[in-house]
Amino acid sequence: MVKHQAGCVHRWLERTGNSLGSVLDFGALWRLARHWYDGRLEPGYLRRVPSQVRAYFRDVGLRGSF
């Protein structure tokens, strides 16, 4: 996390009382979101099962627990 982002995140955490979770930079967020909704508006769409979600996260470069 870049210094500016870290400051913004920590100020938000203090203001809201939330705890720190996963913080993504814009590149990682784009890789995650880019195909996340593919097919959702198609008839017969089936949501991903947990193993598919884990594989998708891995494929876009995300590690750890989410």
N, C-alpha and C. Protein backbone atom coordinates (compact mmCIF):
# COMPACT_ATOMS: atom_id res chain seq x y z
N MET A 1 0.87 -1.16 0.00
CA MET A 1 0.00 0.00 0.00
C MET A 1 0.91 1.22 0.00
N VAL A 2 0.66 2.17 -0.89
CA VAL A 2 1.47 3.37 -0.93
C VAL A 2 1.16 4.25 0.27
N LYS A 3 2.11 5.12 0.61
CA LYS A 3 2.00 5.92 1.82
C LYS A 3 0.70 6.73 1.88
N HIS A 4 0.34 7.39 0.78
CA HIS A 4 -0.89 8.21 0.76
C HIS A 4 -2.12 7.35 1.03
N GLN A 5 -2.17 6.19 0.36
CA GLN A 5 -3.31 5.29 0.56
C GLN A 5 -3.37 4.83 2.01
N ALA A 6 -2.21 4.51 2.58
CA ALA A 6 -2.17 4.04 3.97
C ALA A 6 -2.75 5.09 4.91
N GLY A 7 -2.38 6.35 4.70
CA GLY A 7 -2.91 7.42 5.54
C GLY A 7 -4.41 7.55 5.42
N CYS A 8 -4.91 7.48 4.21
CA CYS A 8 -6.37 7.58 3.99
C CYS A 8 -7.09 6.42 4.66
N VAL A 9 -6.56 5.22 4.50
CA VAL A 9 -7.19 4.04 5.08
C VAL A 9 -7.20 4.14 6.60
N HIS A 10 -6.07 4.52 7.19
CA HIS A 10 -6.01 4.58 8.65
C HIS A 10 -6.89 5.68 9.23
N ARG A 11 -7.00 6.79 8.54
CA ARG A 11 -7.92 7.84 9.00
C ARG A 11 -9.36 7.36 8.94
N TRP A 12 -9.71 6.66 7.89
CA TRP A 12 -11.06 6.12 7.75
C TRP A 12 -11.34 5.10 8.85
N LEU A 13 -10.36 4.24 9.15
CA LEU A 13 -10.54 3.25 10.20
C LEU A 13 -10.77 3.92 11.55
N GLU A 14 -10.00 4.95 11.84
CA GLU A 14 -10.17 5.68 13.10
C GLU A 14 -11.55 6.33 13.18
N ARG A 15 -11.98 6.92 12.07
CA ARG A 15 -13.25 7.63 12.04
C ARG A 15 -14.44 6.68 12.17
N THR A 16 -14.34 5.50 11.58
CA THR A 16 -15.48 4.59 11.54
C THR A 16 -15.45 3.50 12.60
N GLY A 17 -14.29 3.27 13.20
CA GLY A 17 -14.17 2.21 14.19
C GLY A 17 -14.05 0.82 13.57
N ASN A 18 -13.89 0.75 12.25
CA ASN A 18 -13.70 -0.55 11.60
C ASN A 18 -12.28 -1.04 11.81
N SER A 19 -12.06 -2.33 11.58
CA SER A 19 -10.71 -2.88 11.66
C SER A 19 -10.17 -3.10 10.26
N LEU A 20 -8.85 -3.11 10.16
CA LEU A 20 -8.18 -3.24 8.87
C LEU A 20 -8.39 -4.64 8.31
N GLY A 21 -8.82 -4.69 7.08
CA GLY A 21 -8.95 -5.96 6.35
C GLY A 21 -7.99 -5.92 5.17
N SER A 22 -8.39 -6.48 4.06
CA SER A 22 -7.56 -6.46 2.85
C SER A 22 -7.68 -5.10 2.18
N VAL A 23 -6.54 -4.56 1.79
CA VAL A 23 -6.51 -3.28 1.07
C VAL A 23 -5.85 -3.54 -0.27
N LEU A 24 -6.56 -3.20 -1.34
CA LEU A 24 -6.05 -3.44 -2.69
C LEU A 24 -5.64 -2.13 -3.33
N ASP A 25 -4.56 -2.17 -4.12
CA ASP A 25 -4.24 -1.00 -4.93
C ASP A 25 -5.15 -1.02 -6.15
N PHE A 26 -5.15 0.05 -6.92
CA PHE A 26 -6.08 0.14 -8.04
C PHE A 26 -5.86 -0.95 -9.08
N GLY A 27 -4.61 -1.33 -9.31
CA GLY A 27 -4.32 -2.40 -10.28
C GLY A 27 -4.94 -3.71 -9.86
N ALA A 28 -4.78 -4.05 -8.59
CA ALA A 28 -5.35 -5.30 -8.08
C ALA A 28 -6.88 -5.24 -8.11
N LEU A 29 -7.42 -4.11 -7.74
CA LEU A 29 -8.88 -3.95 -7.77
C LEU A 29 -9.41 -4.12 -9.20
N TRP A 30 -8.72 -3.55 -10.17
CA TRP A 30 -9.14 -3.69 -11.56
C TRP A 30 -9.07 -5.15 -12.00
N ARG A 31 -7.97 -5.85 -11.67
CA ARG A 31 -7.86 -7.26 -12.05
C ARG A 31 -8.99 -8.07 -11.42
N LEU A 32 -9.36 -7.77 -10.19
CA LEU A 32 -10.45 -8.47 -9.52
C LEU A 32 -11.78 -8.19 -10.20
N ALA A 33 -12.07 -6.93 -10.45
CA ALA A 33 -13.39 -6.53 -10.96
C ALA A 33 -13.58 -6.78 -12.44
N ARG A 34 -12.51 -6.84 -13.19
CA ARG A 34 -12.58 -6.88 -14.65
C ARG A 34 -13.52 -7.95 -15.18
N HIS A 35 -13.49 -9.14 -14.63
CA HIS A 35 -14.34 -10.22 -15.15
C HIS A 35 -15.25 -10.82 -14.07
N TRP A 36 -15.29 -10.18 -12.90
CA TRP A 36 -16.09 -10.73 -11.80
C TRP A 36 -17.56 -10.92 -12.18
N TYR A 37 -18.12 -9.99 -12.93
CA TYR A 37 -19.55 -10.04 -13.27
C TYR A 37 -19.83 -10.66 -14.64
N ASP A 38 -18.84 -11.24 -15.27
CA ASP A 38 -19.06 -11.87 -16.57
C ASP A 38 -20.21 -12.88 -16.50
N GLY A 39 -21.15 -12.75 -17.40
CA GLY A 39 -22.24 -13.70 -17.53
C GLY A 39 -23.40 -13.51 -16.58
N ARG A 40 -23.32 -12.58 -15.66
CA ARG A 40 -24.37 -12.44 -14.64
C ARG A 40 -25.74 -12.11 -15.22
N LEU A 41 -25.78 -11.47 -16.36
CA LEU A 41 -27.06 -11.10 -16.95
C LEU A 41 -27.55 -12.12 -17.97
N GLU A 42 -26.82 -13.21 -18.13
CA GLU A 42 -27.19 -14.25 -19.09
C GLU A 42 -28.19 -15.22 -18.45
N PRO A 43 -29.16 -15.69 -19.24
CA PRO A 43 -30.10 -16.69 -18.71
C PRO A 43 -29.32 -17.94 -18.26
N GLY A 44 -29.71 -18.50 -17.14
CA GLY A 44 -29.08 -19.72 -16.65
C GLY A 44 -27.77 -19.51 -15.91
N TYR A 45 -27.43 -18.25 -15.64
CA TYR A 45 -26.19 -17.98 -14.93
C TYR A 45 -26.16 -18.70 -13.59
N LEU A 46 -25.05 -19.31 -13.27
CA LEU A 46 -24.86 -19.95 -11.98
C LEU A 46 -23.70 -19.25 -11.28
N ARG A 47 -23.93 -18.83 -10.05
CA ARG A 47 -22.86 -18.14 -9.34
C ARG A 47 -21.72 -19.12 -9.04
N ARG A 48 -20.55 -18.54 -8.87
CA ARG A 48 -19.37 -19.37 -8.60
C ARG A 48 -19.50 -20.06 -7.25
N VAL A 49 -19.01 -21.28 -7.20
CA VAL A 49 -18.91 -21.99 -5.93
C VAL A 49 -17.59 -21.56 -5.29
N PRO A 50 -17.44 -21.77 -3.97
CA PRO A 50 -16.24 -21.28 -3.29
C PRO A 50 -14.91 -21.69 -3.94
N SER A 51 -14.81 -22.89 -4.44
CA SER A 51 -13.55 -23.31 -5.08
C SER A 51 -13.27 -22.48 -6.34
N GLN A 52 -14.31 -22.11 -7.08
CA GLN A 52 -14.15 -21.26 -8.26
C GLN A 52 -13.74 -19.85 -7.87
N VAL A 53 -14.31 -19.36 -6.78
CA VAL A 53 -13.94 -18.02 -6.29
C VAL A 53 -12.47 -18.01 -5.89
N ARG A 54 -12.04 -19.03 -5.15
CA ARG A 54 -10.63 -19.11 -4.76
C ARG A 54 -9.73 -19.14 -5.99
N ALA A 55 -10.10 -19.91 -6.99
CA ALA A 55 -9.31 -19.99 -8.23
C ALA A 55 -9.29 -18.65 -8.94
N TYR A 56 -10.42 -17.96 -8.99
CA TYR A 56 -10.48 -16.65 -9.63
C TYR A 56 -9.57 -15.67 -8.91
N PHE A 57 -9.66 -15.63 -7.58
CA PHE A 57 -8.79 -14.74 -6.79
C PHE A 57 -7.32 -15.05 -7.07
N ARG A 58 -6.97 -16.34 -7.07
CA ARG A 58 -5.59 -16.73 -7.34
C ARG A 58 -5.16 -16.28 -8.74
N ASP A 59 -6.04 -16.47 -9.72
CA ASP A 59 -5.71 -16.12 -11.11
C ASP A 59 -5.49 -14.62 -11.31
N VAL A 60 -6.15 -13.79 -10.49
CA VAL A 60 -5.95 -12.34 -10.62
C VAL A 60 -4.86 -11.82 -9.68
N GLY A 61 -4.18 -12.75 -9.00
CA GLY A 61 -3.02 -12.39 -8.20
C GLY A 61 -3.29 -12.08 -6.74
N LEU A 62 -4.48 -12.43 -6.24
CA LEU A 62 -4.78 -12.19 -4.84
C LEU A 62 -4.41 -13.40 -4.01
N ARG A 63 -3.77 -13.15 -2.88
CA ARG A 63 -3.35 -14.21 -1.97
C ARG A 63 -3.92 -13.95 -0.58
N GLY A 64 -3.99 -14.96 0.23
CA GLY A 64 -4.46 -14.79 1.60
C GLY A 64 -5.93 -15.08 1.71
N SER A 65 -6.46 -14.78 2.90
CA SER A 65 -7.88 -15.05 3.14
C SER A 65 -8.72 -13.80 2.84
N PHE A 66 -9.88 -14.02 2.27
CA PHE A 66 -10.81 -12.94 1.94
C PHE A 66 -12.18 -13.31 2.42
